[in-house]
Amino acid sequence: SMAGALAFFAAHPEKLRYLGFSTVNDYPEKMVSKYGKWARPANPTADSEPGLVPLIMWYDSMHICRAKQYADLIEKEVRPGEFIESSYGIRVLEDIKSKRDEWNYEYHMDNFGFFLYRDPKIGLGAMVRHINGRGYHSREDRIKLGWPAERQGMWVD
């Protein structure tokens, strides 16, 4: 739920800077296959609880952040005409890779503060998809898969 995601900002008011929603299945496994076992730190929460998955590169994808922190970050780290993920995101990735022996969940929270939200109902599955992208299923496909014919909307109270 969105309330579960937002609760992490209250729990980590000065540290959590970015909370993204995964666009791929099993992001941690993808990072391990790309960078090695060090790229999957131990998660301090049980799979049955909402959790945070360290994001080792800033992605300009569906996310929640604090507007002032975000504006300050852009002003400090991104030059006009640059994209945050291809400038700041690459620098952070290189920094994390250079410190992989000391990098863990707590280090990431203290020094970077950007994570993916893990909802216990979805697990490590993709939470966000383009409506006409590779995750799109037509009404007919949905029925064949045993899903509701109409997509369920996500409403925030």
Protein backbone atom coordinates (compact mmCIF):
# COMPACT_ATOMS: atom_id res chain seq x y z
CA SER A 1 0.00 0.00 0.00
CA MET A 2 1.08 3.59 -0.46
CA ALA A 3 0.70 4.13 3.29
CA GLY A 4 3.23 1.35 3.89
CA ALA A 5 5.65 2.95 1.46
CA LEU A 6 5.26 6.42 2.96
CA ALA A 7 5.79 5.08 6.48
CA PHE A 8 9.44 4.49 5.60
CA PHE A 9 9.94 8.23 5.09
CA ALA A 10 8.67 8.82 8.63
CA ALA A 11 10.91 6.03 9.96
CA HIS A 12 14.01 7.45 8.22
CA PRO A 13 13.34 11.21 8.00
CA GLU A 14 16.88 12.38 7.28
CA LYS A 15 18.22 9.34 5.46
CA LEU A 16 15.63 8.00 3.00
CA ARG A 17 15.86 10.14 -0.13
CA TYR A 18 14.23 8.04 -2.84
CA LEU A 19 11.75 5.18 -2.74
CA GLY A 20 11.26 3.51 -6.09
CA PHE A 21 8.88 0.89 -7.39
CA SER A 22 10.49 -1.98 -9.28
CA THR A 23 9.94 -2.30 -13.01
CA VAL A 24 11.67 -5.71 -13.17
CA ASN A 25 11.21 -9.02 -11.42
CA ASP A 26 13.75 -9.82 -8.69
CA TYR A 27 15.94 -6.72 -8.86
CA PRO A 28 18.41 -8.09 -6.28
CA GLU A 29 19.04 -11.21 -8.39
CA LYS A 30 19.62 -9.07 -11.48
CA MET A 31 22.21 -7.03 -9.57
CA VAL A 32 23.95 -10.18 -8.31
CA SER A 33 24.14 -11.58 -11.84
CA LYS A 34 25.58 -8.29 -13.10
CA TYR A 35 27.95 -7.31 -10.24
CA GLY A 36 28.44 -10.34 -7.99
CA LYS A 37 27.19 -11.65 -4.65
CA TRP A 38 28.16 -8.49 -2.78
CA ALA A 39 25.27 -6.68 -4.56
CA ARG A 40 22.64 -8.43 -2.39
CA PRO A 41 22.94 -7.19 1.19
CA ALA A 42 21.02 -8.90 3.96
CA ASN A 43 17.55 -7.42 4.35
CA PRO A 44 16.65 -6.50 7.95
CA THR A 45 12.90 -7.12 7.49
CA ALA A 46 11.00 -10.38 7.09
CA ASP A 47 9.46 -11.13 3.69
CA SER A 48 6.03 -10.93 5.33
CA GLU A 49 6.60 -7.24 6.18
CA PRO A 50 7.03 -4.21 3.91
CA GLY A 51 10.71 -3.64 3.27
CA LEU A 52 13.39 -1.67 1.49
CA VAL A 53 15.71 -3.09 -1.15
CA PRO A 54 18.93 -1.07 -1.69
CA LEU A 55 19.02 0.47 -5.14
CA ILE A 56 22.61 0.68 -6.36
CA MET A 57 21.91 3.21 -9.09
CA TRP A 58 19.50 6.13 -9.23
CA TYR A 59 16.82 5.45 -11.83
CA ASP A 60 14.46 8.04 -13.20
CA SER A 61 11.50 5.73 -12.83
CA MET A 62 8.35 5.71 -10.71
CA HIS A 63 9.42 6.88 -7.26
CA ILE A 64 8.56 8.94 -4.21
CA CYS A 65 10.93 11.52 -2.76
CA ARG A 66 10.92 14.71 -0.75
CA ALA A 67 10.63 17.60 -3.21
CA LYS A 68 13.15 19.92 -1.51
CA GLN A 69 15.74 17.15 -1.10
CA TYR A 70 15.25 16.20 -4.76
CA ALA A 71 15.58 19.79 -6.00
CA ASP A 72 18.73 20.29 -3.90
CA LEU A 73 20.20 17.04 -5.24
CA ILE A 74 19.51 18.05 -8.86
CA GLU A 75 21.06 21.47 -8.33
CA LYS A 76 24.18 20.00 -6.69
CA GLU A 77 24.74 16.86 -8.78
CA VAL A 78 23.24 17.37 -12.26
CA ARG A 79 24.35 19.92 -14.83
CA PRO A 80 21.80 21.48 -17.20
CA GLY A 81 20.99 19.07 -20.02
CA GLU A 82 22.08 15.96 -18.10
CA PHE A 83 19.81 13.17 -16.93
CA ILE A 84 20.12 12.26 -13.26
CA GLU A 85 20.49 8.54 -13.95
CA SER A 86 23.30 8.99 -16.49
CA SER A 87 25.26 11.49 -14.39
CA TYR A 88 24.65 11.19 -10.66
CA GLY A 89 23.38 7.61 -11.02
CA ILE A 90 26.61 6.44 -12.69
CA ARG A 91 28.80 8.25 -10.14
CA VAL A 92 26.92 6.62 -7.26
CA LEU A 93 27.14 3.18 -8.87
CA GLU A 94 30.91 3.58 -9.23
CA ASP A 95 31.17 4.78 -5.62
CA ILE A 96 29.19 1.79 -4.35
CA LYS A 97 31.26 -0.64 -6.43
CA SER A 98 34.49 0.86 -5.06
CA LYS A 99 33.26 0.34 -1.48
CA ARG A 100 31.69 -3.06 -1.93
CA ASP A 101 33.66 -4.61 0.95
CA GLU A 102 32.05 -2.22 3.45
CA TRP A 103 28.73 -1.77 1.61
CA ASN A 104 25.66 -3.23 3.28
CA TYR A 105 22.08 -2.21 4.03
CA GLU A 106 22.98 0.16 6.88
CA TYR A 107 25.88 1.72 4.96
CA HIS A 108 23.56 2.28 2.01
CA MET A 109 20.91 3.94 4.20
CA ASP A 110 23.49 6.16 5.89
CA ASN A 111 25.35 7.20 2.74
CA PHE A 112 22.93 6.98 -0.20
CA GLY A 113 19.32 6.57 0.95
CA PHE A 114 17.69 5.24 -2.17
CA PHE A 115 15.74 2.04 -2.19
CA LEU A 116 13.04 0.07 -3.91
CA TYR A 117 9.87 -0.58 -1.94
CA ARG A 118 9.11 -4.26 -1.30
CA ASP A 119 5.44 -4.90 -0.67
CA PRO A 120 4.87 -8.29 1.01
CA LYS A 121 1.91 -9.01 -1.30
CA ILE A 122 4.08 -8.60 -4.41
CA GLY A 123 7.47 -9.65 -3.07
CA LEU A 124 10.28 -8.93 -5.51
CA GLY A 125 8.02 -8.82 -8.56
CA ALA A 126 7.65 -5.83 -10.82
CA MET A 127 5.31 -3.23 -9.33
CA VAL A 128 5.18 -0.79 -12.24
CA ARG A 129 4.81 -1.44 -15.97
CA HIS A 130 4.10 0.60 -19.06
CA ILE A 131 0.50 -0.01 -20.02
CA ASN A 132 1.48 -0.82 -23.61
CA GLY A 133 4.91 -2.29 -22.88
CA ARG A 134 6.20 -5.82 -22.43
CA GLY A 135 4.09 -6.27 -19.28
CA TYR A 136 0.81 -5.41 -21.00
CA HIS A 137 -1.87 -8.10 -21.20
CA SER A 138 -4.99 -7.64 -23.31
CA ARG A 139 -8.43 -8.36 -21.88
CA GLU A 140 -8.42 -11.72 -23.67
CA ASP A 141 -4.98 -12.62 -22.31
CA ARG A 142 -6.08 -11.65 -18.81
CA ILE A 143 -9.09 -13.98 -19.02
CA LYS A 144 -6.90 -16.85 -20.34
CA LEU A 145 -4.53 -16.33 -17.42
CA GLY A 146 -7.42 -16.52 -14.96
CA TRP A 147 -7.05 -12.86 -14.01
CA PRO A 148 -9.89 -10.34 -13.71
CA ALA A 149 -10.93 -9.18 -17.18
CA GLU A 150 -10.50 -5.54 -16.20
CA ARG A 151 -7.35 -4.19 -14.62
CA GLN A 152 -7.73 -3.13 -11.02
CA GLY A 153 -6.73 0.47 -10.38
CA MET A 154 -4.56 1.53 -7.48
CA TRP A 155 -6.22 4.14 -5.31
CA VAL A 156 -4.48 6.01 -2.54
CA ASP A 157 -6.59 6.96 0.46
